[in-house]
Amino acid sequence: MKQISLRIDREQKAVRLDQFLASKLPNMSRTQAQKLIAAGMVCENGKPVKQSSHKTVPEALLEITIPYREEVKLVAQDIPLDILYEDDDLLVINKPAGLVVHPAFGNWDGTLANAVLHHLTVTQSSSLTAQSPERPGIIHRLDKDTSGIMVIAKNDCTKAYLQKQFQERTVQKTYIALVHGKLEPNSGLIDAPIGRDRKDRKKMTVTPTGKPAQTAYDVLEQYDGLQSYTLLKARLLTGRTHQIRVHCASIGFPIVGDMTYGRDTDTLKRQFLHAFSLTFKLPDGDSRTFEAPLSADLTGYLNSLK
């Protein structure tokens, strides 16, 4: 069981409880919220709420119990993988936008983890233990609608070796992002702590109480027309949730297509954010840089701006 506590904001307008939960909890749909309420898993000020139509009360304390899927067993699914590199210890892939990395509430299958398990099973190229069966060999993640490069371990030794590099921040992660506006100067460092948004649990925000976060950027190209855009190369010096998206929005240059921190577009149906390159040491000690080309939807959108 997972326990979550939410204090309703004083200025929060009265809305249906299922609607409120779906807007505040990551990966929570309105239907899933209704099922939790019907099962008595949502309490308001210590008392179970009986109906999804119950209206929220300002400053009330909500306590939500989310049951983990019983006996979660990852199922191998034949989902295509764009493999850029593979050896006996690891594989490097180009994750497409729209693919969730690992199972969670609301996404128990159809994930990258399901695809990886299928690949490793078919090729019989993994000796990973079952310590983390829900995410075999997966060390880091990308948002569902962020495309790009990821590294996946095939054995426990490689997994520990790579995890240490991520923890010590020796892995170099470079992204390509398109933002609204004409960003100046041509290079810079966004140094602003990031934490959970108190008013919206699905969002992160720049806050003095957050964790340190640094994003270095260089301008690659600028587009002038009816609107201005700037294409960036951004390098993560830290690894906070939604870091580049939050940092760009915080300085007034939200990422194109980012419906959470920016604004929607007519033609691009996801944020223009792509994990372009990853530099790390292989188990033999050699440092390697792997790159993933931009997907067709992103290159097509850039061409439409020229």
Protein backbone atom coordinates (compact mmCIF):
# COMPACT_ATOMS: atom_id res chain seq x y z
CA MET A 1 0.00 0.00 0.00
CA LYS A 2 1.07 3.56 -0.73
CA GLN A 3 -0.17 6.35 1.53
CA ILE A 4 -0.55 9.91 0.23
CA SER A 5 -1.68 12.96 2.22
CA LEU A 6 -3.02 16.09 0.55
CA ARG A 7 -4.03 19.31 2.27
CA ILE A 8 -6.61 21.15 0.16
CA ASP A 9 -5.61 24.75 -0.44
CA ARG A 10 -7.64 27.49 1.21
CA GLU A 11 -8.34 29.11 -2.18
CA GLN A 12 -9.34 25.84 -3.85
CA LYS A 13 -12.80 26.08 -5.43
CA ALA A 14 -15.22 23.29 -4.55
CA VAL A 15 -15.01 20.55 -7.18
CA ARG A 16 -15.90 16.87 -7.34
CA LEU A 17 -13.46 14.77 -5.34
CA ASP A 18 -12.70 12.38 -8.22
CA GLN A 19 -11.92 15.35 -10.46
CA PHE A 20 -9.67 16.87 -7.80
CA LEU A 21 -7.68 13.67 -7.26
CA ALA A 22 -7.20 13.14 -11.00
CA SER A 23 -5.77 16.66 -11.28
CA LYS A 24 -3.39 16.30 -8.35
CA LEU A 25 -2.04 12.75 -8.40
CA PRO A 26 0.44 11.59 -11.08
CA ASN A 27 -0.84 8.78 -13.34
CA MET A 28 -4.31 9.00 -11.76
CA SER A 29 -7.33 9.05 -14.06
CA ARG A 30 -10.80 10.10 -12.96
CA THR A 31 -12.05 6.52 -13.32
CA GLN A 32 -9.23 5.23 -11.11
CA ALA A 33 -10.02 7.92 -8.52
CA GLN A 34 -13.66 6.81 -8.49
CA LYS A 35 -12.62 3.21 -7.85
CA LEU A 36 -10.46 4.26 -4.90
CA ILE A 37 -13.31 6.29 -3.41
CA ALA A 38 -15.80 3.43 -3.87
CA ALA A 39 -13.35 1.08 -2.12
CA GLY A 40 -13.12 3.40 0.90
CA MET A 41 -9.51 4.28 0.16
CA VAL A 42 -10.00 8.06 0.41
CA CYS A 43 -10.54 9.77 3.77
CA GLU A 44 -11.35 13.40 4.49
CA ASN A 45 -10.25 14.59 7.94
CA GLY A 46 -10.06 10.96 9.06
CA LYS A 47 -13.43 9.80 7.71
CA PRO A 48 -13.92 7.75 4.51
CA VAL A 49 -15.60 9.59 1.68
CA LYS A 50 -18.48 7.57 0.24
CA GLN A 51 -19.21 9.27 -3.09
CA SER A 52 -17.09 10.51 -5.97
CA SER A 53 -19.45 13.48 -6.34
CA HIS A 54 -18.45 14.72 -2.88
CA LYS A 55 -17.24 18.32 -3.15
CA THR A 56 -13.83 19.30 -1.83
CA VAL A 57 -13.62 21.37 1.33
CA PRO A 58 -10.98 24.11 1.72
CA GLU A 59 -8.14 23.17 4.13
CA ALA A 60 -9.45 19.61 4.56
CA LEU A 61 -6.85 16.86 4.89
CA LEU A 62 -7.22 14.04 2.37
CA GLU A 63 -5.58 10.68 3.01
CA ILE A 64 -5.41 8.40 -0.01
CA THR A 65 -4.41 4.74 0.11
CA ILE A 66 -3.23 3.37 -3.23
CA PRO A 67 -2.88 -0.42 -3.33
CA TYR A 68 0.01 -1.78 -5.32
CA ARG A 69 -1.00 -4.31 -7.92
CA GLU A 70 -1.01 -7.64 -6.14
CA GLU A 71 1.88 -9.88 -7.08
CA VAL A 72 3.11 -7.55 -9.78
CA LYS A 73 4.67 -9.74 -12.43
CA LEU A 74 6.17 -8.02 -15.41
CA VAL A 75 5.00 -9.59 -18.65
CA ALA A 76 7.25 -9.69 -21.70
CA GLN A 77 5.59 -7.82 -24.56
CA ASP A 78 6.76 -7.65 -28.15
CA ILE A 79 7.09 -3.86 -28.37
CA PRO A 80 9.64 -2.68 -30.96
CA LEU A 81 12.88 -1.20 -29.61
CA ASP A 82 15.10 1.21 -31.53
CA ILE A 83 18.45 -0.24 -30.44
CA LEU A 84 21.44 1.99 -31.15
CA TYR A 85 24.10 -0.19 -29.49
CA GLU A 86 24.24 -3.57 -27.79
CA ASP A 87 26.88 -5.81 -26.26
CA ASP A 88 26.99 -8.52 -23.61
CA ASP A 89 26.56 -6.02 -20.76
CA LEU A 90 24.11 -3.36 -21.91
CA LEU A 91 22.01 -1.91 -24.65
CA VAL A 92 21.44 1.72 -25.66
CA ILE A 93 18.05 2.63 -27.11
CA ASN A 94 16.23 5.58 -28.61
CA LYS A 95 12.94 5.76 -26.69
CA PRO A 96 9.98 7.08 -28.68
CA ALA A 97 7.63 9.70 -27.32
CA GLY A 98 4.44 8.23 -25.83
CA LEU A 99 6.14 5.22 -24.24
CA VAL A 100 6.06 5.02 -20.43
CA VAL A 101 9.35 3.75 -18.98
CA HIS A 102 8.21 1.42 -16.22
CA PRO A 103 4.93 0.12 -14.75
CA ALA A 104 3.12 2.29 -12.23
CA PHE A 105 -0.42 2.89 -11.08
CA GLY A 106 -2.44 3.39 -14.27
CA ASN A 107 0.25 1.89 -16.53
CA TRP A 108 0.77 -1.74 -15.54
CA ASP A 109 1.88 -2.87 -19.00
CA GLY A 110 2.76 -1.60 -22.46
CA THR A 111 5.86 0.04 -21.01
CA LEU A 112 9.53 0.13 -21.92
CA ALA A 113 10.16 -2.38 -19.13
CA ASN A 114 7.79 -4.85 -20.82
CA ALA A 115 9.61 -4.33 -24.12
CA VAL A 116 13.05 -4.76 -22.54
CA LEU A 117 12.01 -7.97 -20.79
CA HIS A 118 10.81 -9.38 -24.12
CA HIS A 119 14.05 -8.45 -25.86
CA LEU A 120 16.24 -9.92 -23.11
CA THR A 121 14.12 -13.08 -22.98
CA VAL A 122 14.17 -13.64 -26.73
CA THR A 123 17.92 -13.03 -27.01
CA GLN A 124 18.60 -14.81 -23.69
CA SER A 125 21.14 -12.08 -23.04
CA SER A 126 20.40 -11.14 -19.45
CA SER A 127 21.43 -12.53 -16.09
CA LEU A 128 19.64 -9.92 -13.98
CA THR A 129 18.21 -11.10 -10.69
CA ALA A 130 14.56 -10.59 -9.78
CA GLN A 131 15.32 -7.90 -7.19
CA SER A 132 13.50 -5.28 -9.29
CA PRO A 133 11.23 -7.30 -11.57
CA GLU A 134 9.14 -4.25 -12.52
CA ARG A 135 12.09 -2.47 -14.16
CA PRO A 136 14.67 -4.99 -15.46
CA GLY A 137 18.00 -3.27 -16.02
CA ILE A 138 16.42 0.19 -16.21
CA ILE A 139 18.59 2.70 -14.37
CA HIS A 140 17.18 6.09 -15.34
CA ARG A 141 14.00 7.36 -16.95
CA LEU A 142 12.55 9.83 -19.42
CA ASP A 143 9.09 11.40 -19.26
CA LYS A 144 6.43 9.64 -21.32
CA ASP A 145 6.42 12.33 -24.01
CA THR A 146 10.18 12.91 -24.05
CA SER A 147 12.03 10.92 -26.67
CA GLY A 148 15.67 9.98 -26.77
CA ILE A 149 18.58 7.98 -25.53
CA MET A 150 18.59 5.56 -22.60
CA VAL A 151 21.03 2.92 -21.39
CA ILE A 152 19.84 -0.42 -19.98
CA ALA A 153 21.96 -2.97 -18.11
CA LYS A 154 21.87 -6.69 -18.84
CA ASN A 155 23.41 -7.95 -15.61
CA ASP A 156 23.66 -6.93 -11.96
CA CYS A 157 27.32 -5.93 -12.11
CA THR A 158 26.73 -3.58 -15.03
CA LYS A 159 23.60 -2.21 -13.39
CA ALA A 160 25.49 -1.33 -10.20
CA TYR A 161 28.38 0.09 -12.22
CA LEU A 162 26.10 2.39 -14.21
CA GLN A 163 23.99 3.36 -11.20
CA LYS A 164 27.12 4.57 -9.42
CA GLN A 165 27.97 6.83 -12.37
CA PHE A 166 24.49 8.34 -12.34
CA GLN A 167 24.62 8.83 -8.57
CA GLU A 168 28.05 10.50 -8.75
CA ARG A 169 26.85 12.66 -11.68
CA THR A 170 29.67 11.62 -13.97
CA VAL A 171 27.20 10.72 -16.73
CA GLN A 172 26.83 13.58 -19.23
CA LYS A 173 23.23 14.05 -20.40
CA THR A 174 22.53 16.40 -23.29
CA TYR A 175 19.07 17.31 -24.58
CA ILE A 176 17.72 19.20 -27.58
CA ALA A 177 14.79 21.51 -26.79
CA LEU A 178 12.79 24.09 -28.72
CA VAL A 179 11.46 26.96 -26.64
CA HIS A 180 9.13 29.86 -27.28
CA GLY A 181 10.81 33.25 -27.69
CA LYS A 182 14.25 34.56 -28.59
CA LEU A 183 16.52 33.44 -25.77
CA GLU A 184 19.58 35.56 -25.01
CA PRO A 185 22.47 35.33 -24.27
CA ASN A 186 23.55 32.45 -26.52
CA SER A 187 24.77 30.40 -23.57
CA GLY A 188 24.07 30.37 -19.88
CA LEU A 189 23.36 28.47 -16.69
CA ILE A 190 19.97 28.20 -15.03
CA ASP A 191 20.64 27.63 -11.34
CA ALA A 192 17.36 27.33 -9.45
CA PRO A 193 16.18 24.74 -6.89
CA ILE A 194 13.23 22.54 -7.88
CA GLY A 195 10.59 20.97 -5.67
CA ARG A 196 7.04 19.63 -5.79
CA ASP A 197 4.36 22.25 -6.50
CA ARG A 198 2.25 22.55 -3.35
CA LYS A 199 -0.89 23.44 -5.31
CA ASP A 200 -0.56 20.78 -7.98
CA ARG A 201 1.12 17.49 -7.05
CA LYS A 202 1.59 16.55 -10.71
CA LYS A 203 3.87 19.51 -11.26
CA MET A 204 7.31 20.62 -10.14
CA THR A 205 8.29 24.23 -9.59
CA VAL A 206 11.21 26.49 -8.79
CA THR A 207 11.12 27.01 -5.04
CA PRO A 208 13.64 28.06 -2.35
CA THR A 209 12.80 24.86 -0.45
CA GLY A 210 13.54 22.60 -3.43
CA LYS A 211 16.61 20.54 -4.25
CA PRO A 212 19.55 22.17 -6.05
CA ALA A 213 19.14 22.06 -9.84
CA GLN A 214 21.41 23.33 -12.61
CA THR A 215 20.89 23.34 -16.37
CA ALA A 216 23.55 24.66 -18.77
CA TYR A 217 22.41 25.64 -22.25
CA ASP A 218 23.72 26.79 -25.64
CA VAL A 219 21.63 28.28 -28.42
CA LEU A 220 21.79 26.20 -31.62
CA GLU A 221 19.44 28.19 -33.85
CA GLN A 222 16.74 30.84 -33.70
CA TYR A 223 13.61 31.16 -35.81
CA ASP A 224 11.82 34.44 -36.49
CA GLY A 225 8.38 34.67 -38.05
CA LEU A 226 4.95 35.38 -36.67
CA GLN A 227 6.44 33.97 -33.48
CA SER A 228 10.03 33.54 -32.31
CA TYR A 229 11.58 30.24 -31.28
CA THR A 230 14.98 29.15 -30.01
CA LEU A 231 16.53 25.72 -30.46
CA LEU A 232 18.71 24.79 -27.49
CA LYS A 233 21.26 22.23 -26.48
CA ALA A 234 20.75 21.74 -22.74
CA ARG A 235 23.05 19.80 -20.43
CA LEU A 236 21.81 18.52 -17.09
CA LEU A 237 24.25 19.11 -14.24
CA THR A 238 21.69 17.64 -11.83
CA GLY A 239 18.79 15.27 -12.43
CA ARG A 240 15.53 16.60 -11.02
CA THR A 241 12.07 15.60 -12.19
CA HIS A 242 10.99 17.69 -15.22
CA GLN A 243 14.15 19.78 -14.72
CA ILE A 244 14.62 21.24 -18.20
CA ARG A 245 10.89 21.86 -18.62
CA VAL A 246 10.61 23.65 -15.29
CA HIS A 247 13.81 25.67 -15.73
CA CYS A 248 12.91 26.89 -19.21
CA ALA A 249 9.42 27.89 -18.09
CA SER A 250 10.81 29.64 -15.01
CA ILE A 251 12.85 32.09 -17.13
CA GLY A 252 9.94 32.81 -19.46
CA PHE A 253 10.90 30.49 -22.33
CA PRO A 254 8.65 27.39 -22.03
CA ILE A 255 9.30 24.37 -24.19
CA VAL A 256 7.15 24.19 -27.31
CA GLY A 257 4.25 21.77 -26.91
CA ASP A 258 4.61 21.48 -23.13
CA MET A 259 1.01 21.51 -21.95
CA THR A 260 2.02 21.30 -18.29
CA TYR A 261 4.53 24.13 -18.02
CA GLY A 262 3.94 26.04 -21.24
CA ARG A 263 1.38 26.20 -23.99
CA ASP A 264 -0.09 23.85 -26.57
CA THR A 265 0.62 23.92 -30.31
CA ASP A 266 -1.62 23.14 -33.26
CA THR A 267 0.70 20.63 -34.89
CA LEU A 268 3.12 19.27 -32.27
CA LYS A 269 1.24 17.09 -29.81
CA ARG A 270 4.00 16.67 -27.23
CA GLN A 271 6.83 18.70 -25.76
CA PHE A 272 9.78 19.38 -28.03
CA LEU A 273 12.33 17.72 -25.75
CA HIS A 274 14.73 15.01 -26.88
CA ALA A 275 17.52 13.26 -24.96
CA PHE A 276 20.15 13.65 -27.66
CA SER A 277 23.32 12.18 -26.16
CA LEU A 278 24.62 10.20 -23.22
CA THR A 279 28.27 9.89 -22.20
CA PHE A 280 29.33 7.27 -19.66
CA LYS A 281 31.96 4.61 -19.02
CA LEU A 282 31.47 1.09 -20.27
CA PRO A 283 32.32 -1.78 -17.91
CA ASP A 284 35.78 -2.02 -19.52
CA GLY A 285 36.48 1.56 -18.40
CA ASP A 286 36.30 3.21 -21.81
CA SER A 287 34.23 6.40 -22.00
CA ARG A 288 31.70 6.40 -24.85
CA THR A 289 29.22 8.94 -26.18
CA PHE A 290 26.01 7.70 -27.78
CA GLU A 291 23.65 9.90 -29.76
CA ALA A 292 20.01 9.48 -30.79
CA PRO A 293 18.73 11.37 -33.84
CA LEU A 294 15.66 13.59 -33.60
CA SER A 295 12.41 11.83 -34.42
CA ALA A 296 10.39 12.64 -37.53
CA ASP A 297 7.79 14.73 -35.70
CA LEU A 298 10.47 17.02 -34.25
CA THR A 299 12.45 17.44 -37.47
CA GLY A 300 9.21 18.05 -39.33
CA TYR A 301 8.23 20.77 -36.90
CA LEU A 302 11.62 22.47 -37.27
CA ASN A 303 11.29 22.37 -41.05
CA SER A 304 7.90 24.06 -40.79
CA LEU A 305 9.55 27.01 -39.02
CA LYS A 306 12.13 27.66 -41.75
